[in-house]
Amino acid sequence: MPYYESVFIARQDVSSTQVEQLTDQFAEVVAGLGGEVKKREYWGLRNLAYKVNKNRKGHYVLFNLDAPSEAVTEMERLMRLNEDVLRYMTIKVEELEEGPSIMMQAKSDRDRGRGGRGERGDRGDRGDRGDRGDRGDRGDRGDRGDRRDRDSSKGDAE
């Protein structure tokens, strides 16, 4: 059977348990028509690039499928009919990825790599930066003269 990757985006106001129910429903359809869901991943509530049906965010879910095309077509038909699904995309692939997807790898790298918000980590040896309090290369601000009064500038522009 051919392999497919399918991603769908559910509305932001749907709870994660409802998204899990949708995912189970679509997986049952695929299994009922002779296919198999090899992997499913919930990527979480993420920002959309642009508003879709007044939604700024969406719940992303990935399926890796080993299924006949009829099963995928039926799953997509049900996604079109479901008002909680904003967008979906299914592509045919040569082979399925083993292990976590790129999205899940990036998420685990972020969680593992940073010590927390605001922490910049080791910035290395920055060398002697010299006296930074002087800033002598900028010149004295007093040499610019006095500033104009805002009210008088309106008369000049007209």
Protein backbone atom coordinates (compact mmCIF):
# COMPACT_ATOMS: atom_id res chain seq x y z
CA MET A 1 0.00 0.00 0.00
CA PRO A 2 1.16 3.58 -0.56
CA TYR A 3 2.39 5.81 2.26
CA TYR A 4 0.92 9.21 3.11
CA GLU A 5 1.62 12.04 5.52
CA SER A 6 -1.39 14.06 6.55
CA VAL A 7 -1.58 17.15 8.75
CA PHE A 8 -4.75 18.84 9.86
CA ILE A 9 -5.39 21.99 11.86
CA ALA A 10 -8.32 22.16 14.28
CA ARG A 11 -9.89 25.38 15.58
CA GLN A 12 -8.28 27.12 18.54
CA ASP A 13 -11.41 27.07 20.74
CA VAL A 14 -11.64 23.26 20.59
CA SER A 15 -10.17 21.53 23.64
CA SER A 16 -7.24 19.13 23.31
CA THR A 17 -9.49 16.21 24.33
CA GLN A 18 -11.85 17.08 21.48
CA VAL A 19 -8.88 17.17 19.12
CA GLU A 20 -7.91 13.71 20.40
CA GLN A 21 -11.46 12.50 19.65
CA LEU A 22 -11.23 13.92 16.11
CA THR A 23 -7.89 12.19 15.66
CA ASP A 24 -9.37 8.88 16.84
CA GLN A 25 -12.33 9.32 14.50
CA PHE A 26 -10.11 9.88 11.46
CA ALA A 27 -7.85 6.96 12.46
CA GLU A 28 -10.90 4.66 12.73
CA VAL A 29 -12.00 5.62 9.22
CA VAL A 30 -8.57 4.77 7.82
CA ALA A 31 -8.46 1.48 9.73
CA GLY A 32 -12.01 0.60 8.67
CA LEU A 33 -11.08 0.90 5.00
CA GLY A 34 -8.03 -1.36 5.25
CA GLY A 35 -5.33 1.17 6.17
CA GLU A 36 -3.14 1.66 9.18
CA VAL A 37 -2.03 4.75 11.08
CA LYS A 38 1.69 4.17 11.64
CA LYS A 39 2.26 7.30 13.70
CA ARG A 40 0.27 10.22 15.02
CA GLU A 41 1.65 13.30 16.67
CA TYR A 42 -0.06 16.19 18.39
CA TRP A 43 2.06 19.28 17.75
CA GLY A 44 0.02 21.50 20.05
CA LEU A 45 -1.69 24.83 19.76
CA ARG A 46 0.40 26.94 17.39
CA ASN A 47 0.12 30.36 15.77
CA LEU A 48 -1.14 30.47 12.21
CA ALA A 49 0.66 32.52 9.56
CA TYR A 50 -2.59 34.35 8.82
CA LYS A 51 -6.16 34.34 10.10
CA VAL A 52 -8.24 31.39 8.93
CA ASN A 53 -11.98 31.76 9.57
CA LYS A 54 -11.25 34.35 12.31
CA ASN A 55 -8.80 31.99 14.07
CA ARG A 56 -5.25 33.09 14.89
CA LYS A 57 -4.17 29.74 16.33
CA GLY A 58 -4.85 26.09 15.66
CA HIS A 59 -4.24 22.59 17.02
CA TYR A 60 -1.87 20.74 14.66
CA VAL A 61 -1.97 16.94 14.25
CA LEU A 62 0.21 14.74 12.02
CA PHE A 63 -0.67 11.26 10.69
CA ASN A 64 1.70 8.84 8.98
CA LEU A 65 -0.53 6.47 7.02
CA ASP A 66 -0.06 3.15 5.27
CA ALA A 67 -3.41 3.06 3.53
CA PRO A 68 -5.17 2.65 0.19
CA SER A 69 -6.11 5.85 -1.59
CA GLU A 70 -9.84 5.22 -0.94
CA ALA A 71 -9.23 5.41 2.83
CA VAL A 72 -7.32 8.67 2.49
CA THR A 73 -10.00 10.13 0.21
CA GLU A 74 -12.72 9.25 2.74
CA MET A 75 -10.70 10.72 5.62
CA GLU A 76 -10.23 13.97 3.66
CA ARG A 77 -13.95 14.06 2.85
CA LEU A 78 -14.78 13.84 6.55
CA MET A 79 -12.22 16.56 7.32
CA ARG A 80 -13.91 18.83 4.75
CA LEU A 81 -17.31 18.24 6.37
CA ASN A 82 -16.11 18.78 9.95
CA GLU A 83 -16.45 22.41 11.01
CA ASP A 84 -13.69 22.05 13.63
CA VAL A 85 -11.05 21.33 10.95
CA LEU A 86 -9.67 24.57 9.51
CA ARG A 87 -7.19 23.12 7.01
CA TYR A 88 -5.71 19.77 6.04
CA MET A 89 -3.04 18.57 3.66
CA THR A 90 -2.15 15.03 2.64
CA ILE A 91 0.84 14.12 0.53
CA LYS A 92 2.05 10.81 -0.83
CA VAL A 93 5.58 9.88 0.28
CA GLU A 94 8.03 7.16 -0.75
CA GLU A 95 8.67 6.00 2.82
CA LEU A 96 7.53 6.95 6.29
CA GLU A 97 9.81 8.70 8.78
CA GLU A 98 10.96 6.68 11.74
CA GLY A 99 11.04 8.39 15.10
CA PRO A 100 9.71 11.84 15.91
CA SER A 101 9.03 14.36 13.17
CA ILE A 102 11.04 17.54 12.68
CA MET A 103 8.43 19.53 14.62
CA MET A 104 8.74 17.27 17.64
CA GLN A 105 12.54 17.25 17.44
CA ALA A 106 12.63 21.05 17.38
CA LYS A 107 10.29 21.16 20.36
CA SER A 108 12.45 18.79 22.40
CA ASP A 109 15.61 20.73 21.43
CA ARG A 110 14.00 23.95 22.67
CA ASP A 111 12.96 22.31 25.92
CA ARG A 112 16.36 20.73 26.50
CA GLY A 113 18.63 23.48 25.15
CA ARG A 114 17.45 26.46 27.12
CA GLY A 115 17.67 26.81 30.84
CA GLY A 116 14.55 28.91 30.95
CA ARG A 117 13.24 32.20 29.66
CA GLY A 118 15.58 35.12 29.83
CA GLU A 119 18.68 33.04 30.29
CA ARG A 120 21.22 33.66 27.55
CA GLY A 121 23.65 30.90 28.34
CA ASP A 122 27.43 31.14 28.08
CA ARG A 123 28.39 34.06 25.86
CA GLY A 124 32.05 33.18 25.80
CA ASP A 125 35.02 35.43 26.30
CA ARG A 126 34.05 38.87 25.07
CA GLY A 127 37.51 40.30 25.44
CA ASP A 128 38.42 43.67 26.82
CA ARG A 129 35.68 46.03 25.74
CA GLY A 130 37.32 49.06 27.25
CA ASP A 131 35.68 51.83 29.17
CA ARG A 132 32.07 51.96 28.01
CA GLY A 133 30.95 54.81 30.21
CA ASP A 134 32.71 57.53 28.17
CA ARG A 135 31.46 56.93 24.61
CA GLY A 136 33.81 59.60 23.40
CA ASP A 137 33.25 58.78 19.71
CA ARG A 138 29.72 60.15 19.82
CA GLY A 139 30.59 63.70 20.57
CA ASP A 140 29.05 66.05 23.04
CA ARG A 141 25.30 66.49 22.73
CA GLY A 142 25.64 70.10 23.72
CA ASP A 143 27.18 71.07 20.36
CA ARG A 144 23.86 70.66 18.50
CA GLY A 145 22.37 73.83 19.81
CA ASP A 146 18.95 74.37 21.33
CA ARG A 147 15.91 72.47 20.13
CA ARG A 148 13.10 74.28 18.43
CA ASP A 149 9.83 74.61 20.20
CA ARG A 150 7.21 72.20 18.76
CA ASP A 151 4.61 74.89 18.33
CA SER A 152 6.93 77.06 16.28
CA SER A 153 7.77 74.16 13.94
CA LYS A 154 4.12 73.91 12.83
CA GLY A 155 4.23 77.40 11.44
CA ASP A 156 7.43 76.64 9.50
CA ALA A 157 5.94 73.63 7.72
CA GLU A 158 2.91 75.46 6.36
